[in-house]
Amino acid sequence: PMGSERMEMRKRQMSTAQETPGTAQAQHSTGNRGSNACCFCWCCCCSCSCLTVRNQDEERARTSHELQAEGIPNCEESPAPTLEEVNAWAQSFDKLMLTPAGRNAFREFLRTEFSEENMLFWMACEELKQESNKSVIEEKARLIYEDYISILSPKEVSLDSRVREVINRNMLEPSQHTFDDAQLQIYTLMHRDSYPRFMNSAIYKDLLRSLSEKSIEA
């Protein structure tokens, strides 16, 4: 009888010893639900930090998108283009860029090619040229540099090393003409590279067809 009792007691001790690590592990896992360590668990993420991390990532992505949207100016206000104006855009890039309606249509096309920053940079340079207040010029020049020249910016425009050196020198004492060389280079790039594709794009052709149909109906 004593032997049986000892055997039974030993079984209970072994059973308790086996259950303890699992219990401790469960308690440890529960206690750490506020930390990133819980990402290794197999439980429902709704009650662990996995959801917290995911929410934080989504919040950062949303904030980044909102900041990016705020940094992009709205299209210029302009009356609807006439058929005569739209036909003139095909004559030269200069005529396209001369009117707000032309720039808006071209900018819409650039957005489809993920190169809208070229137009935004050109427009920012034009705006800078209109300033006369020194402190405003310096602030706008700094923003333009950070938004379109810095290699860390997602909206960096494509410039050669010579032009970048000129800009870096000019930034020591910013003026309305700090980015003139860069603006000309981007203007030339849009003219040679994007403008021919714009003229063959659905955006331009649909606009031209729509205005032609309205002209016929009138």
C-alpha atoms as a PDB file:
ATOM      1  CA  PRO A   1       0.000   0.000   0.000  1.00  0.00           C
ATOM      2  CA  MET A   2       2.827   2.385   0.865  1.00  0.00           C
ATOM      3  CA  GLY A   3       4.459   1.597  -2.487  1.00  0.00           C
ATOM      4  CA  SER A   4       1.242   2.336  -4.311  1.00  0.00           C
ATOM      5  CA  GLU A   5       0.838   5.637  -2.517  1.00  0.00           C
ATOM      6  CA  ARG A   6       4.423   6.611  -3.371  1.00  0.00           C
ATOM      7  CA  MET A   7       3.904   5.710  -7.016  1.00  0.00           C
ATOM      8  CA  GLU A   8       0.690   7.704  -7.108  1.00  0.00           C
ATOM      9  CA  MET A   9       2.417  10.701  -5.455  1.00  0.00           C
ATOM     10  CA  ARG A  10       5.316  10.544  -7.920  1.00  0.00           C
ATOM     11  CA  LYS A  11       2.913  10.503 -10.852  1.00  0.00           C
ATOM     12  CA  ARG A  12       1.157  13.581  -9.480  1.00  0.00           C
ATOM     13  CA  GLN A  13       4.545  15.343  -9.014  1.00  0.00           C
ATOM     14  CA  MET A  14       5.636  14.502 -12.559  1.00  0.00           C
ATOM     15  CA  SER A  15       2.310  15.629 -13.922  1.00  0.00           C
ATOM     16  CA  THR A  16       2.590  18.917 -12.010  1.00  0.00           C
ATOM     17  CA  ALA A  17       6.169  19.452 -13.208  1.00  0.00           C
ATOM     18  CA  GLN A  18       5.118  18.960 -16.826  1.00  0.00           C
ATOM     19  CA  GLU A  19       2.209  21.376 -16.523  1.00  0.00           C
ATOM     20  CA  THR A  20       4.232  24.140 -14.798  1.00  0.00           C
ATOM     21  CA  PRO A  21       6.395  25.226 -17.821  1.00  0.00           C
ATOM     22  CA  GLY A  22       3.309  25.495 -20.002  1.00  0.00           C
ATOM     23  CA  THR A  23       1.479  27.482 -17.357  1.00  0.00           C
ATOM     24  CA  ALA A  24       4.464  29.766 -16.813  1.00  0.00           C
ATOM     25  CA  GLN A  25       4.844  30.241 -20.531  1.00  0.00           C
ATOM     26  CA  ALA A  26       1.164  31.152 -20.837  1.00  0.00           C
ATOM     27  CA  GLN A  27       1.480  33.613 -17.971  1.00  0.00           C
ATOM     28  CA  HIS A  28       4.620  35.090 -19.534  1.00  0.00           C
ATOM     29  CA  SER A  29       2.865  35.407 -22.880  1.00  0.00           C
ATOM     30  CA  THR A  30      -0.134  37.070 -21.248  1.00  0.00           C
ATOM     31  CA  GLY A  31       2.061  39.477 -19.340  1.00  0.00           C
ATOM     32  CA  ASN A  32       3.896  40.526 -22.484  1.00  0.00           C
ATOM     33  CA  ARG A  33       0.908  41.270 -24.658  1.00  0.00           C
ATOM     34  CA  GLY A  34       1.896  44.916 -24.653  1.00  0.00           C
ATOM     35  CA  SER A  35       5.291  44.206 -26.232  1.00  0.00           C
ATOM     36  CA  ASN A  36       6.397  43.254 -29.712  1.00  0.00           C
ATOM     37  CA  ALA A  37       7.477  39.815 -28.440  1.00  0.00           C
ATOM     38  CA  CYS A  38       3.885  38.694 -28.804  1.00  0.00           C
ATOM     39  CA  CYS A  39       4.295  38.736 -32.557  1.00  0.00           C
ATOM     40  CA  PHE A  40       5.602  35.178 -32.235  1.00  0.00           C
ATOM     41  CA  CYS A  41       2.391  33.928 -30.635  1.00  0.00           C
ATOM     42  CA  TRP A  42      -0.243  31.850 -32.388  1.00  0.00           C
ATOM     43  CA  CYS A  43      -3.194  33.505 -30.665  1.00  0.00           C
ATOM     44  CA  CYS A  44      -5.678  35.859 -32.220  1.00  0.00           C
ATOM     45  CA  CYS A  45      -3.896  39.117 -32.979  1.00  0.00           C
ATOM     46  CA  CYS A  46      -6.957  41.074 -31.879  1.00  0.00           C
ATOM     47  CA  SER A  47      -5.815  40.688 -28.265  1.00  0.00           C
ATOM     48  CA  CYS A  48      -2.080  41.114 -28.704  1.00  0.00           C
ATOM     49  CA  SER A  49       0.435  43.707 -29.764  1.00  0.00           C
ATOM     50  CA  CYS A  50       0.359  42.498 -33.372  1.00  0.00           C
ATOM     51  CA  LEU A  51      -2.770  44.587 -33.840  1.00  0.00           C
ATOM     52  CA  THR A  52      -1.110  47.544 -32.131  1.00  0.00           C
ATOM     53  CA  VAL A  53       1.904  47.345 -34.445  1.00  0.00           C
ATOM     54  CA  ARG A  54      -0.350  47.022 -37.470  1.00  0.00           C
ATOM     55  CA  ASN A  55      -2.420  50.017 -36.391  1.00  0.00           C
ATOM     56  CA  GLN A  56       0.743  52.053 -35.875  1.00  0.00           C
ATOM     57  CA  ASP A  57       1.972  51.145 -39.379  1.00  0.00           C
ATOM     58  CA  GLU A  58      -1.388  52.095 -40.878  1.00  0.00           C
ATOM     59  CA  GLU A  59      -1.379  55.381 -38.977  1.00  0.00           C
ATOM     60  CA  ARG A  60       2.129  56.213 -40.231  1.00  0.00           C
ATOM     61  CA  ALA A  61       1.135  55.369 -43.800  1.00  0.00           C
ATOM     62  CA  ARG A  62      -2.005  57.512 -43.535  1.00  0.00           C
ATOM     63  CA  THR A  63      -0.058  60.423 -42.062  1.00  0.00           C
ATOM     64  CA  SER A  64       2.568  60.143 -44.792  1.00  0.00           C
ATOM     65  CA  HIS A  65      -0.138  60.168 -47.464  1.00  0.00           C
ATOM     66  CA  GLU A  66      -1.826  63.204 -45.912  1.00  0.00           C
ATOM     67  CA  LEU A  67       1.447  65.116 -45.717  1.00  0.00           C
ATOM     68  CA  GLN A  68       2.246  64.245 -49.299  1.00  0.00           C
ATOM     69  CA  ALA A  69      -1.208  65.392 -50.416  1.00  0.00           C
ATOM     70  CA  GLU A  70      -0.792  68.660 -48.520  1.00  0.00           C
ATOM     71  CA  GLY A  71       2.564  69.222 -50.193  1.00  0.00           C
ATOM     72  CA  ILE A  72       1.077  69.002 -53.683  1.00  0.00           C
ATOM     73  CA  PRO A  73      -0.620  72.255 -54.722  1.00  0.00           C
ATOM     74  CA  ASN A  74      -4.020  72.054 -56.382  1.00  0.00           C
ATOM     75  CA  CYS A  75      -4.337  72.561 -60.097  1.00  0.00           C
ATOM     76  CA  GLU A  76      -4.345  76.154 -61.205  1.00  0.00           C
ATOM     77  CA  GLU A  77      -7.683  77.864 -61.548  1.00  0.00           C
ATOM     78  CA  SER A  78      -8.518  78.427 -65.173  1.00  0.00           C
ATOM     79  CA  PRO A  79     -11.521  78.583 -67.483  1.00  0.00           C
ATOM     80  CA  ALA A  80     -12.228  75.536 -69.614  1.00  0.00           C
ATOM     81  CA  PRO A  81      -9.976  75.559 -72.688  1.00  0.00           C
ATOM     82  CA  THR A  82     -11.417  76.368 -76.069  1.00  0.00           C
ATOM     83  CA  LEU A  83     -10.981  74.211 -79.154  1.00  0.00           C
ATOM     84  CA  GLU A  84      -8.672  76.869 -80.579  1.00  0.00           C
ATOM     85  CA  GLU A  85      -6.461  76.734 -77.506  1.00  0.00           C
ATOM     86  CA  VAL A  86      -6.272  72.933 -77.462  1.00  0.00           C
ATOM     87  CA  ASN A  87      -5.331  72.909 -81.141  1.00  0.00           C
ATOM     88  CA  ALA A  88      -2.624  75.480 -80.378  1.00  0.00           C
ATOM     89  CA  TRP A  89      -1.071  73.133 -77.817  1.00  0.00           C
ATOM     90  CA  ALA A  90      -0.117  70.842 -80.675  1.00  0.00           C
ATOM     91  CA  GLN A  91       1.808  73.653 -82.377  1.00  0.00           C
ATOM     92  CA  SER A  92       4.447  74.034 -79.691  1.00  0.00           C
ATOM     93  CA  PHE A  93       5.280  73.144 -76.100  1.00  0.00           C
ATOM     94  CA  ASP A  94       5.620  76.851 -75.321  1.00  0.00           C
ATOM     95  CA  LYS A  95       1.962  77.437 -76.238  1.00  0.00           C
ATOM     96  CA  LEU A  96       0.921  74.510 -74.062  1.00  0.00           C
ATOM     97  CA  MET A  97       2.813  75.874 -71.063  1.00  0.00           C
ATOM     98  CA  LEU A  98       1.608  79.416 -71.651  1.00  0.00           C
ATOM     99  CA  THR A  99      -1.935  78.842 -70.345  1.00  0.00           C
ATOM    100  CA  PRO A 100      -3.137  77.454 -66.991  1.00  0.00           C
ATOM    101  CA  ALA A 101      -5.521  75.101 -68.798  1.00  0.00           C
ATOM    102  CA  GLY A 102      -2.642  73.717 -70.841  1.00  0.00           C
ATOM    103  CA  ARG A 103      -0.472  73.243 -67.775  1.00  0.00           C
ATOM    104  CA  ASN A 104      -3.316  71.531 -65.931  1.00  0.00           C
ATOM    105  CA  ALA A 105      -3.946  69.081 -68.768  1.00  0.00           C
ATOM    106  CA  PHE A 106      -0.240  68.363 -69.143  1.00  0.00           C
ATOM    107  CA  ARG A 107       0.135  67.948 -65.403  1.00  0.00           C
ATOM    108  CA  GLU A 108      -2.719  65.425 -65.396  1.00  0.00           C
ATOM    109  CA  PHE A 109      -0.808  63.447 -68.017  1.00  0.00           C
ATOM    110  CA  LEU A 110       2.456  63.667 -66.062  1.00  0.00           C
ATOM    111  CA  ARG A 111       0.650  62.241 -63.045  1.00  0.00           C
ATOM    112  CA  THR A 112      -0.143  59.100 -65.042  1.00  0.00           C
ATOM    113  CA  GLU A 113       3.570  58.736 -65.784  1.00  0.00           C
ATOM    114  CA  PHE A 114       4.573  59.408 -62.167  1.00  0.00           C
ATOM    115  CA  SER A 115       6.576  62.479 -63.163  1.00  0.00           C
ATOM    116  CA  GLU A 116       4.284  65.236 -61.888  1.00  0.00           C
ATOM    117  CA  GLU A 117       7.154  66.551 -59.758  1.00  0.00           C
ATOM    118  CA  ASN A 118       8.660  68.096 -62.921  1.00  0.00           C
ATOM    119  CA  MET A 119       5.671  70.388 -63.381  1.00  0.00           C
ATOM    120  CA  LEU A 120       5.423  71.088 -59.652  1.00  0.00           C
ATOM    121  CA  PHE A 121       9.082  72.113 -59.563  1.00  0.00           C
ATOM    122  CA  TRP A 122       8.696  74.351 -62.618  1.00  0.00           C
ATOM    123  CA  MET A 123       5.627  76.014 -61.082  1.00  0.00           C
ATOM    124  CA  ALA A 124       7.419  76.518 -57.743  1.00  0.00           C
ATOM    125  CA  CYS A 125      10.295  78.228 -59.560  1.00  0.00           C
ATOM    126  CA  GLU A 126       7.877  80.517 -61.382  1.00  0.00           C
ATOM    127  CA  GLU A 127       6.279  81.427 -58.069  1.00  0.00           C
ATOM    128  CA  LEU A 128       9.686  82.137 -56.538  1.00  0.00           C
ATOM    129  CA  LYS A 129      10.466  84.608 -59.314  1.00  0.00           C
ATOM    130  CA  GLN A 130       7.447  86.692 -58.309  1.00  0.00           C
ATOM    131  CA  GLU A 131       8.738  87.246 -54.762  1.00  0.00           C
ATOM    132  CA  SER A 132      10.586  90.370 -53.655  1.00  0.00           C
ATOM    133  CA  ASN A 133      10.769  89.936 -49.878  1.00  0.00           C
ATOM    134  CA  LYS A 134      14.169  88.531 -48.933  1.00  0.00           C
ATOM    135  CA  SER A 135      12.991  86.391 -46.023  1.00  0.00           C
ATOM    136  CA  VAL A 136      10.152  84.924 -48.108  1.00  0.00           C
ATOM    137  CA  ILE A 137      12.581  84.183 -50.932  1.00  0.00           C
ATOM    138  CA  GLU A 138      14.932  82.375 -48.571  1.00  0.00           C
ATOM    139  CA  GLU A 139      12.114  80.303 -47.071  1.00  0.00           C
ATOM    140  CA  LYS A 140      10.649  79.354 -50.448  1.00  0.00           C
ATOM    141  CA  ALA A 141      14.089  78.509 -51.826  1.00  0.00           C
ATOM    142  CA  ARG A 142      14.687  76.230 -48.855  1.00  0.00           C
ATOM    143  CA  LEU A 143      11.367  74.471 -49.374  1.00  0.00           C
ATOM    144  CA  ILE A 144      12.002  74.031 -53.088  1.00  0.00           C
ATOM    145  CA  TYR A 145      15.422  72.555 -52.328  1.00  0.00           C
ATOM    146  CA  GLU A 146      14.006  70.129 -49.763  1.00  0.00           C
ATOM    147  CA  ASP A 147      11.067  69.112 -51.963  1.00  0.00           C
ATOM    148  CA  TYR A 148      12.693  68.774 -55.376  1.00  0.00           C
ATOM    149  CA  ILE A 149      16.498  68.934 -55.156  1.00  0.00           C
ATOM    150  CA  SER A 150      17.368  66.893 -52.075  1.00  0.00           C
ATOM    151  CA  ILE A 151      18.234  63.265 -52.823  1.00  0.00           C
ATOM    152  CA  LEU A 152      16.176  62.326 -49.760  1.00  0.00           C
ATOM    153  CA  SER A 153      12.969  63.689 -51.231  1.00  0.00           C
ATOM    154  CA  PRO A 154      10.494  61.332 -52.943  1.00  0.00           C
ATOM    155  CA  LYS A 155       9.765  64.216 -55.368  1.00  0.00           C
ATOM    156  CA  GLU A 156      13.401  64.747 -56.388  1.00  0.00           C
ATOM    157  CA  VAL A 157      13.721  65.907 -60.007  1.00  0.00           C
ATOM    158  CA  SER A 158      16.384  64.615 -62.364  1.00  0.00           C
ATOM    159  CA  LEU A 159      19.269  67.091 -62.662  1.00  0.00           C
ATOM    160  CA  ASP A 160      22.870  66.684 -63.771  1.00  0.00           C
ATOM    161  CA  SER A 161      25.800  67.246 -61.428  1.00  0.00           C
ATOM    162  CA  ARG A 162      26.724  70.628 -62.962  1.00  0.00           C
ATOM    163  CA  VAL A 163      23.305  72.105 -62.267  1.00  0.00           C
ATOM    164  CA  ARG A 164      23.306  70.686 -58.753  1.00  0.00           C
ATOM    165  CA  GLU A 165      26.637  72.367 -58.051  1.00  0.00           C
ATOM    166  CA  VAL A 166      25.218  75.681 -59.277  1.00  0.00           C
ATOM    167  CA  ILE A 167      22.216  75.295 -56.995  1.00  0.00           C
ATOM    168  CA  ASN A 168      24.376  74.469 -53.987  1.00  0.00           C
ATOM    169  CA  ARG A 169      26.410  77.630 -54.584  1.00  0.00           C
ATOM    170  CA  ASN A 170      23.290  79.717 -55.073  1.00  0.00           C
ATOM    171  CA  MET A 171      21.748  78.415 -51.850  1.00  0.00           C
ATOM    172  CA  LEU A 172      24.477  80.191 -49.885  1.00  0.00           C
ATOM    173  CA  GLU A 173      22.593  83.385 -50.748  1.00  0.00           C
ATOM    174  CA  PRO A 174      19.183  82.469 -52.237  1.00  0.00           C
ATOM    175  CA  SER A 175      17.488  84.752 -54.744  1.00  0.00           C
ATOM    176  CA  GLN A 176      14.572  84.605 -57.174  1.00  0.00           C
ATOM    177  CA  HIS A 177      16.923  83.048 -59.724  1.00  0.00           C
ATOM    178  CA  THR A 178      18.530  80.363 -57.551  1.00  0.00           C
ATOM    179  CA  PHE A 179      16.973  77.563 -59.603  1.00  0.00           C
ATOM    180  CA  ASP A 180      16.984  79.132 -63.077  1.00  0.00           C
ATOM    181  CA  ASP A 181      19.410  76.590 -64.578  1.00  0.00           C
ATOM    182  CA  ALA A 182      17.528  73.697 -63.007  1.00  0.00           C
ATOM    183  CA  GLN A 183      14.181  75.055 -64.149  1.00  0.00           C
ATOM    184  CA  LEU A 184      15.423  75.327 -67.731  1.00  0.00           C
ATOM    185  CA  GLN A 185      16.763  71.779 -67.618  1.00  0.00           C
ATOM    186  CA  ILE A 186      13.454  70.390 -66.370  1.00  0.00           C
ATOM    187  CA  TYR A 187      11.524  72.462 -68.920  1.00  0.00           C
ATOM    188  CA  THR A 188      13.699  71.000 -71.673  1.00  0.00           C
ATOM    189  CA  LEU A 189      13.215  67.496 -70.285  1.00  0.00           C
ATOM    190  CA  MET A 190       9.430  67.852 -70.315  1.00  0.00           C
ATOM    191  CA  HIS A 191       9.549  69.314 -73.812  1.00  0.00           C
ATOM    192  CA  ARG A 192      11.675  66.571 -75.324  1.00  0.00           C
ATOM    193  CA  ASP A 193      10.501  63.586 -73.312  1.00  0.00           C
ATOM    194  CA  SER A 194       6.934  64.027 -72.058  1.00  0.00           C
ATOM    195  CA  TYR A 195       5.357  66.490 -74.482  1.00  0.00           C
ATOM    196  CA  PRO A 196       5.400  64.177 -77.546  1.00  0.00           C
ATOM    197  CA  ARG A 197       3.733  61.416 -75.521  1.00  0.00           C
ATOM    198  CA  PHE A 198       1.156  63.860 -74.193  1.00  0.00           C
ATOM    199  CA  MET A 199       0.152  64.805 -77.720  1.00  0.00           C
ATOM    200  CA  ASN A 200      -0.505  61.121 -78.461  1.00  0.00           C
ATOM    201  CA  SER A 201      -2.193  60.416 -75.131  1.00  0.00           C
ATOM    202  CA  ALA A 202      -5.844  59.630 -74.482  1.00  0.00           C
ATOM    203  CA  ILE A 203      -6.030  62.672 -72.205  1.00  0.00           C
ATOM    204  CA  TYR A 204      -5.268  65.078 -75.047  1.00  0.00           C
ATOM    205  CA  LYS A 205      -7.172  63.212 -77.740  1.00  0.00           C
ATOM    206  CA  ASP A 206     -10.307  62.847 -75.609  1.00  0.00           C
ATOM    207  CA  LEU A 207     -10.264  66.543 -74.743  1.00  0.00           C
ATOM    208  CA  LEU A 208      -9.787  67.497 -78.389  1.00  0.00           C
ATOM    209  CA  ARG A 209     -12.600  65.180 -79.524  1.00  0.00           C
ATOM    210  CA  SER A 210     -14.968  66.458 -76.842  1.00  0.00           C
ATOM    211  CA  LEU A 211     -14.402  70.093 -77.778  1.00  0.00           C
ATOM    212  CA  SER A 212     -14.693  69.289 -81.493  1.00  0.00           C
ATOM    213  CA  GLU A 213     -18.063  67.585 -80.935  1.00  0.00           C
ATOM    214  CA  LYS A 214     -19.334  70.538 -78.912  1.00  0.00           C
ATOM    215  CA  SER A 215     -18.177  72.892 -81.653  1.00  0.00           C
ATOM    216  CA  ILE A 216     -20.082  70.919 -84.276  1.00  0.00           C
ATOM    217  CA  GLU A 217     -23.241  70.810 -82.144  1.00  0.00           C
ATOM    218  CA  ALA A 218     -23.067  74.561 -81.628  1.00  0.00           C
END
